[in-house]
Amino acid sequence: MAKSPEEEHPKKAFGWAARDPSGFLSPFNFSRRETGEKDVTFKVLYCGICHSDLHMVKNEWGVSTYPLVPGHEIVGVVTEVGSKVQKFKVGDKVGVGCLVGACDSCDHCAKNNEHLCPQMILTYGAKYHDGTDTYGGYSDVMVANEHYVVRIPDNLPLDASAPLLCAGITVYSPLRYHGLDKPGLHVGVVGLGGLGHVAVKFAKSMGLKVTVISTSINKKKEALEKLGADSFLISRDQNQMQAAMGTLDGIIDTVSAVHPILPLIGLLKSEGKLIMVGAPEKPLELPIFPLIMGRKMIAGSNIGGLKETQEMIDFAAKNNITADIEVIPIDYVNTAMERLVKADVKYRFVIDIGNTLKSG
């Protein structure tokens, strides 16, 4: 007979889980594995709420299994390390992002691109090497192989650095990989939400000129005055868009709603790159002619490997980059999910696990 989540492993754990596609989260007792020789165990203090958590709890991508404990922007303090752990010690500030495993033997893993490994293991809603389900960071304790643990520098606040483990690496990686990190280049950021506001901060710290592209005029002041963008375009204003045609070296498109990409292609210079990091549920229309005529590129990018994620966190620490957050107690999480659907947050919810998650 199959073991219950509480019995699978010896280490008791407590979190909040969704039990079905309603997505409603409630208290959940389960278990974590004992600290293996290469494992790091840490007390979870904060966990960010990512838009993908919302999709997963409601099974909107058709891959969810229940019970499901979301959360892959997890930070805390190390409480135990395995006998062969070399990078961490008890008391260190650490984080776990979207991955907790991969095959560790393919070409992608060899090149520190674990996020491209066909056998990558997601932090929650997946099967670990031992066949048990992975559970995320809406919980009190985390156990992970040290390779998949990131060190959080002391000068970064834990709560506001948690979203960097997903939102941060998702925008940092394409800027680096596609060579859009050279000072003086002009980059557009589409959408000023959880990903977009962090993209502006990273791009400005890299010395780029940044234009925010949004459907909402309400975000103009925030983009220019608070986040330091150089210019702001209303994507529905044809005159503004026309005036900016052919001015951008690259664009990071963070929007997860269905939207037209022809106007964005028009904003690119010849040989410009449009990088998609948002995940619309329905296919977008892809106009080929303007791509051919300008030798332009549309590419996709997801998170990043572990080496690059550590590099991103260190860059953030050096440049004082954090996410703009609203810290919430765990029992507010269902309301937060409802607000997330309406984009009613600036710009990332972070759950105060350490002070508000109490088993009982």
Protein backbone atom coordinates (compact mmCIF):
# COMPACT_ATOMS: atom_id res chain seq x y z
CA MET A 1 0.00 0.00 0.00
CA ALA A 2 1.26 3.49 -0.88
CA LYS A 3 2.52 5.60 1.99
CA SER A 4 0.83 8.88 2.84
CA PRO A 5 2.82 12.12 2.41
CA GLU A 6 3.30 12.13 6.20
CA GLU A 7 4.91 8.68 6.17
CA GLU A 8 7.12 8.80 3.07
CA HIS A 9 10.11 10.30 4.87
CA PRO A 10 11.22 10.51 8.51
CA LYS A 11 11.44 14.33 8.82
CA LYS A 12 8.09 15.88 9.74
CA ALA A 13 7.09 18.91 7.71
CA PHE A 14 4.15 21.28 7.66
CA GLY A 15 2.88 23.54 4.94
CA TRP A 16 -0.13 24.67 2.96
CA ALA A 17 -1.32 22.64 -0.03
CA ALA A 18 -3.95 22.63 -2.75
CA ARG A 19 -5.94 19.38 -2.85
CA ASP A 20 -7.79 19.85 -6.17
CA PRO A 21 -8.09 22.25 -9.16
CA SER A 22 -10.12 24.74 -7.11
CA GLY A 23 -6.64 25.87 -6.08
CA PHE A 24 -7.74 26.49 -2.50
CA LEU A 25 -4.80 26.12 -0.12
CA SER A 26 -5.09 24.81 3.43
CA PRO A 27 -2.81 23.36 6.16
CA PHE A 28 -1.05 20.13 5.24
CA ASN A 29 1.15 17.70 7.15
CA PHE A 30 3.77 15.85 5.10
CA SER A 31 7.41 14.79 5.41
CA ARG A 32 10.86 15.55 4.04
CA ARG A 33 13.76 13.16 3.65
CA GLU A 34 16.53 13.01 6.22
CA THR A 35 19.56 15.16 5.44
CA GLY A 36 21.64 13.06 3.04
CA GLU A 37 25.42 13.30 2.81
CA LYS A 38 25.22 15.99 0.10
CA ASP A 39 22.02 17.64 1.36
CA VAL A 40 21.37 20.98 2.99
CA THR A 41 18.39 21.32 5.33
CA PHE A 42 17.12 24.78 6.09
CA LYS A 43 14.34 26.47 8.04
CA VAL A 44 12.17 28.34 5.54
CA LEU A 45 11.70 31.97 6.53
CA TYR A 46 10.14 33.47 3.38
CA CYS A 47 8.67 32.20 0.13
CA GLY A 48 7.62 34.32 -2.83
CA ILE A 49 4.39 33.72 -4.73
CA CYS A 50 5.08 33.28 -8.43
CA HIS A 51 2.41 33.50 -11.13
CA SER A 52 3.22 29.90 -12.01
CA ASP A 53 2.10 28.88 -8.50
CA LEU A 54 -1.34 30.16 -9.44
CA HIS A 55 -1.38 28.16 -12.68
CA MET A 56 -0.19 25.03 -10.88
CA VAL A 57 -2.62 25.05 -7.94
CA LYS A 58 -5.50 25.34 -10.43
CA ASN A 59 -3.98 22.79 -12.87
CA GLU A 60 -4.22 25.33 -15.69
CA TRP A 61 -1.28 23.72 -17.48
CA GLY A 62 -2.72 20.21 -17.07
CA VAL A 63 0.33 18.79 -15.26
CA SER A 64 -0.54 19.26 -11.58
CA THR A 65 -0.79 16.39 -9.12
CA TYR A 66 -2.39 16.77 -5.70
CA PRO A 67 -1.80 17.40 -2.88
CA LEU A 68 0.40 20.22 -4.19
CA VAL A 69 2.57 22.46 -1.99
CA PRO A 70 3.64 25.39 -4.22
CA GLY A 71 6.58 27.75 -3.87
CA HIS A 72 9.92 27.99 -5.66
CA GLU A 73 11.24 31.31 -4.35
CA ILE A 74 12.38 29.89 -1.03
CA VAL A 75 14.84 31.46 1.41
CA GLY A 76 15.89 30.62 4.93
CA VAL A 77 18.70 29.65 7.28
CA VAL A 78 20.65 26.37 7.23
CA THR A 79 19.95 24.09 10.21
CA GLU A 80 21.83 20.94 9.12
CA VAL A 81 24.32 19.86 6.44
CA GLY A 82 25.31 16.42 5.22
CA SER A 83 28.77 14.95 5.85
CA LYS A 84 29.97 15.64 2.29
CA VAL A 85 28.56 19.16 1.91
CA GLN A 86 31.33 21.62 1.06
CA LYS A 87 29.65 24.92 0.21
CA PHE A 88 27.40 25.55 3.21
CA LYS A 89 27.38 25.45 7.00
CA VAL A 90 24.76 25.79 9.70
CA GLY A 91 23.60 29.41 9.99
CA ASP A 92 24.16 30.34 6.34
CA LYS A 93 21.45 32.28 4.51
CA VAL A 94 20.38 30.23 1.50
CA GLY A 95 17.71 29.82 -1.13
CA VAL A 96 16.19 27.26 -3.46
CA GLY A 97 14.63 28.30 -6.76
CA CYS A 98 12.73 26.36 -9.41
CA LEU A 99 14.91 23.23 -9.52
CA VAL A 100 15.91 20.59 -6.99
CA GLY A 101 17.45 18.03 -9.35
CA ALA A 102 18.46 16.94 -12.85
CA CYS A 103 20.20 13.96 -14.42
CA ASP A 104 23.63 15.52 -13.69
CA SER A 105 25.17 13.64 -16.63
CA CYS A 106 23.85 15.11 -19.91
CA ASP A 107 25.50 17.88 -21.97
CA HIS A 108 23.20 20.50 -20.47
CA CYS A 109 24.11 19.54 -16.91
CA ALA A 110 27.80 19.47 -17.83
CA LYS A 111 27.49 23.08 -19.09
CA ASN A 112 25.70 24.30 -15.94
CA ASN A 113 22.40 24.48 -17.82
CA GLU A 114 20.46 22.18 -15.52
CA HIS A 115 17.29 24.08 -16.42
CA LEU A 116 17.53 22.63 -19.93
CA CYS A 117 18.05 19.02 -18.80
CA PRO A 118 15.20 16.81 -20.10
CA GLN A 119 15.15 15.15 -16.67
CA MET A 120 15.20 18.32 -14.56
CA ILE A 121 13.21 17.99 -11.34
CA LEU A 122 11.03 20.93 -10.41
CA THR A 123 10.94 22.10 -6.80
CA TYR A 124 7.30 21.14 -6.47
CA GLY A 125 4.77 19.06 -8.39
CA ALA A 126 7.38 16.65 -9.73
CA LYS A 127 8.93 13.29 -8.84
CA TYR A 128 12.31 13.21 -7.11
CA HIS A 129 15.03 10.62 -7.84
CA ASP A 130 13.59 8.36 -5.11
CA GLY A 131 10.13 8.40 -6.71
CA THR A 132 8.49 10.62 -4.10
CA ASP A 133 6.68 13.88 -4.84
CA THR A 134 8.51 17.19 -4.53
CA TYR A 135 6.91 19.81 -2.30
CA GLY A 136 7.64 23.53 -2.44
CA GLY A 137 8.32 26.39 -0.11
CA TYR A 138 4.91 27.17 1.37
CA SER A 139 6.28 25.02 4.18
CA ASP A 140 8.44 25.16 7.30
CA VAL A 141 11.49 23.15 6.23
CA MET A 142 13.35 22.40 2.99
CA VAL A 143 15.89 19.69 2.14
CA ALA A 144 17.88 19.91 -1.09
CA ASN A 145 21.11 18.69 -2.62
CA GLU A 146 23.75 21.39 -2.09
CA HIS A 147 24.22 21.77 -5.86
CA TYR A 148 20.68 23.17 -6.07
CA VAL A 149 21.07 25.56 -3.14
CA VAL A 150 22.07 29.22 -3.64
CA ARG A 151 23.95 31.33 -1.11
CA ILE A 152 22.20 34.60 -0.25
CA PRO A 153 24.77 37.36 0.43
CA ASP A 154 24.47 39.02 3.85
CA ASN A 155 23.58 42.46 2.51
CA LEU A 156 20.44 41.21 0.73
CA PRO A 157 17.27 41.17 2.84
CA LEU A 158 15.82 37.66 2.76
CA ASP A 159 12.21 38.69 2.13
CA ALA A 160 12.92 40.98 -0.83
CA SER A 161 15.52 38.67 -2.37
CA ALA A 162 13.24 35.60 -2.43
CA PRO A 163 11.55 36.55 -5.76
CA LEU A 164 14.95 36.85 -7.43
CA LEU A 165 15.21 33.03 -7.35
CA CYS A 166 12.57 32.87 -10.09
CA ALA A 167 11.67 36.35 -11.34
CA GLY A 168 15.27 37.57 -11.09
CA ILE A 169 16.97 34.73 -12.94
CA THR A 170 14.18 34.64 -15.56
CA VAL A 171 15.06 38.15 -16.74
CA TYR A 172 18.79 38.14 -15.94
CA SER A 173 19.54 35.01 -17.97
CA PRO A 174 18.24 36.22 -21.36
CA LEU A 175 19.94 39.60 -20.98
CA ARG A 176 23.27 37.82 -20.46
CA TYR A 177 22.80 34.94 -22.92
CA HIS A 178 21.66 37.12 -25.81
CA GLY A 179 24.34 39.76 -25.28
CA LEU A 180 21.85 42.42 -24.25
CA ASP A 181 23.92 43.28 -21.17
CA LYS A 182 26.39 45.64 -22.87
CA PRO A 183 26.34 49.22 -21.53
CA GLY A 184 24.73 51.64 -23.96
CA LEU A 185 22.35 49.16 -25.59
CA HIS A 186 18.66 50.09 -25.65
CA VAL A 187 16.34 47.42 -24.28
CA GLY A 188 12.58 47.32 -23.98
CA VAL A 189 10.70 45.62 -21.13
CA VAL A 190 7.12 44.61 -21.91
CA GLY A 191 4.89 44.47 -18.84
CA LEU A 192 5.66 46.00 -15.47
CA GLY A 193 4.76 43.21 -13.07
CA GLY A 194 6.69 40.73 -10.95
CA LEU A 195 9.17 39.99 -13.75
CA GLY A 196 9.14 43.35 -15.51
CA HIS A 197 10.01 45.55 -12.55
CA VAL A 198 13.01 43.35 -11.74
CA ALA A 199 14.05 43.37 -15.42
CA VAL A 200 14.18 47.18 -15.35
CA LYS A 201 16.41 47.11 -12.25
CA PHE A 202 18.84 44.57 -13.70
CA ALA A 203 18.98 46.32 -17.08
CA LYS A 204 19.69 49.72 -15.51
CA SER A 205 22.42 48.20 -13.32
CA MET A 206 24.01 46.75 -16.48
CA GLY A 207 24.22 50.26 -17.93
CA LEU A 208 21.42 49.88 -20.46
CA LYS A 209 18.93 52.42 -21.72
CA VAL A 210 15.49 51.04 -20.78
CA THR A 211 12.06 51.64 -22.28
CA VAL A 212 9.04 50.17 -20.49
CA ILE A 213 6.20 49.09 -22.79
CA SER A 214 2.80 48.74 -21.13
CA THR A 215 -0.93 48.90 -21.82
CA SER A 216 -1.42 50.94 -18.65
CA ILE A 217 -0.67 54.68 -18.46
CA ASN A 218 -1.02 54.30 -14.67
CA LYS A 219 2.40 52.66 -14.55
CA LYS A 220 4.27 55.50 -16.26
CA LYS A 221 5.22 57.45 -13.15
CA GLU A 222 6.30 54.29 -11.33
CA ALA A 223 8.45 53.16 -14.27
CA LEU A 224 10.20 56.47 -14.81
CA GLU A 225 10.49 57.93 -11.31
CA LYS A 226 10.71 54.91 -9.03
CA LEU A 227 12.36 52.24 -11.17
CA GLY A 228 14.51 54.60 -13.24
CA ALA A 229 13.40 53.64 -16.75
CA ASP A 230 14.44 56.11 -19.44
CA SER A 231 11.19 56.14 -21.39
CA PHE A 232 7.67 54.70 -21.39
CA LEU A 233 5.49 53.56 -24.27
CA ILE A 234 1.77 52.84 -24.23
CA SER A 235 1.54 49.81 -26.51
CA ARG A 236 -2.01 50.72 -27.59
CA ASP A 237 -0.96 54.24 -28.65
CA GLN A 238 -0.13 53.86 -32.33
CA ASN A 239 1.50 57.28 -32.56
CA GLN A 240 3.89 56.52 -29.69
CA MET A 241 4.70 53.08 -31.09
CA GLN A 242 5.22 54.45 -34.58
CA ALA A 243 7.60 57.12 -33.29
CA ALA A 244 9.69 54.45 -31.52
CA MET A 245 9.93 52.05 -34.50
CA GLY A 246 13.39 50.59 -35.04
CA THR A 247 14.93 51.98 -31.84
CA LEU A 248 15.46 48.93 -29.61
CA ASP A 249 18.36 46.45 -29.64
CA GLY A 250 16.33 43.91 -27.70
CA ILE A 251 13.07 43.37 -25.85
CA ILE A 252 12.27 41.22 -22.83
CA ASP A 253 8.56 40.35 -23.05
CA THR A 254 7.26 39.35 -19.61
CA VAL A 255 3.54 39.34 -20.41
CA SER A 256 1.60 36.12 -19.80
CA ALA A 257 -1.65 37.32 -21.39
CA VAL A 258 -2.31 36.83 -25.10
CA HIS A 259 -1.06 39.95 -26.89
CA PRO A 260 0.06 41.01 -30.39
CA ILE A 261 3.78 40.78 -31.06
CA LEU A 262 3.84 42.49 -34.47
CA PRO A 263 4.10 45.97 -32.86
CA LEU A 264 6.99 44.72 -30.69
CA ILE A 265 8.88 43.36 -33.70
CA GLY A 266 8.47 46.80 -35.25
CA LEU A 267 10.19 48.45 -32.29
CA LEU A 268 13.35 46.39 -32.88
CA LYS A 269 16.32 47.58 -34.88
CA SER A 270 17.51 45.32 -37.67
CA GLU A 271 19.02 42.19 -36.08
CA GLY A 272 17.18 42.97 -32.86
CA LYS A 273 15.98 40.23 -30.51
CA LEU A 274 12.58 39.74 -28.93
CA ILE A 275 12.90 37.37 -25.98
CA MET A 276 9.71 35.81 -24.62
CA VAL A 277 9.73 34.95 -20.92
CA GLY A 278 6.00 35.24 -20.20
CA ALA A 279 3.86 32.19 -20.90
CA PRO A 280 0.50 32.97 -22.56
CA GLU A 281 -1.92 30.05 -22.39
CA LYS A 282 -2.86 30.30 -26.08
CA PRO A 283 -0.53 30.49 -29.10
CA LEU A 284 0.44 33.96 -30.30
CA GLU A 285 0.29 34.97 -33.93
CA LEU A 286 3.77 35.05 -35.44
CA PRO A 287 4.23 37.41 -38.41
CA ILE A 288 7.18 36.14 -40.43
CA PHE A 289 7.69 38.89 -43.02
CA PRO A 290 8.97 41.57 -40.60
CA LEU A 291 11.36 39.01 -39.10
CA ILE A 292 12.82 38.17 -42.51
CA MET A 293 13.13 41.78 -43.63
CA GLY A 294 15.05 42.88 -40.55
CA ARG A 295 16.92 39.64 -39.82
CA LYS A 296 15.23 39.83 -36.44
CA MET A 297 14.91 37.05 -33.89
CA ILE A 298 12.21 35.82 -31.54
CA ALA A 299 13.51 33.55 -28.81
CA GLY A 300 12.25 31.97 -25.63
CA SER A 301 13.99 31.76 -22.28
CA ASN A 302 13.14 30.12 -19.00
CA ILE A 303 15.04 30.41 -15.72
CA GLY A 304 18.78 29.66 -15.69
CA GLY A 305 21.25 27.09 -14.43
CA LEU A 306 22.47 27.03 -10.85
CA LYS A 307 25.83 28.66 -11.59
CA GLU A 308 24.09 31.53 -13.36
CA THR A 309 21.50 31.83 -10.59
CA GLN A 310 24.28 32.31 -8.02
CA GLU A 311 25.92 34.84 -10.36
CA MET A 312 22.59 36.70 -10.60
CA ILE A 313 22.17 36.80 -6.80
CA ASP A 314 25.73 38.07 -6.37
CA PHE A 315 25.12 40.74 -9.03
CA ALA A 316 21.93 41.74 -7.22
CA ALA A 317 23.80 42.04 -3.93
CA LYS A 318 26.54 44.15 -5.52
CA ASN A 319 23.98 46.49 -7.10
CA ASN A 320 21.40 46.49 -4.30
CA ILE A 321 18.71 44.92 -6.47
CA THR A 322 15.70 43.47 -4.67
CA ALA A 323 12.10 42.85 -5.65
CA ASP A 324 9.35 45.27 -4.58
CA ILE A 325 7.25 43.12 -2.29
CA GLU A 326 4.15 42.91 -0.14
CA VAL A 327 4.83 40.59 2.80
CA ILE A 328 1.80 38.54 3.88
CA PRO A 329 0.96 35.94 6.53
CA ILE A 330 0.34 32.38 5.36
CA ASP A 331 -3.38 32.53 6.16
CA TYR A 332 -3.75 35.37 3.63
CA VAL A 333 -2.44 33.19 0.80
CA ASN A 334 -5.82 32.41 -0.84
CA THR A 335 -6.72 36.10 -0.90
CA ALA A 336 -3.28 36.84 -2.36
CA MET A 337 -3.93 34.34 -5.17
CA GLU A 338 -7.23 36.10 -5.96
CA ARG A 339 -5.44 39.45 -6.06
CA LEU A 340 -2.71 37.98 -8.25
CA VAL A 341 -5.32 37.05 -10.87
CA LYS A 342 -6.24 40.75 -11.01
CA ALA A 343 -2.57 41.86 -10.98
CA ASP A 344 -3.36 43.66 -7.74
CA VAL A 345 0.13 43.63 -6.21
CA LYS A 346 3.29 45.74 -6.45
CA TYR A 347 4.97 43.59 -7.49
CA ARG A 348 5.43 40.31 -5.69
CA PHE A 349 3.74 38.71 -2.71
CA VAL A 350 6.15 37.11 -0.23
CA ILE A 351 4.84 34.85 2.52
CA ASP A 352 6.35 35.36 5.98
CA ILE A 353 6.73 31.64 6.67
CA GLY A 354 8.99 31.99 9.71
CA ASN A 355 6.58 34.12 11.73
CA THR A 356 3.16 33.01 10.50
CA LEU A 357 3.27 29.31 9.52
CA LYS A 358 2.30 27.43 12.66
CA SER A 359 1.38 23.76 12.79
CA GLY A 360 -1.30 22.77 15.21
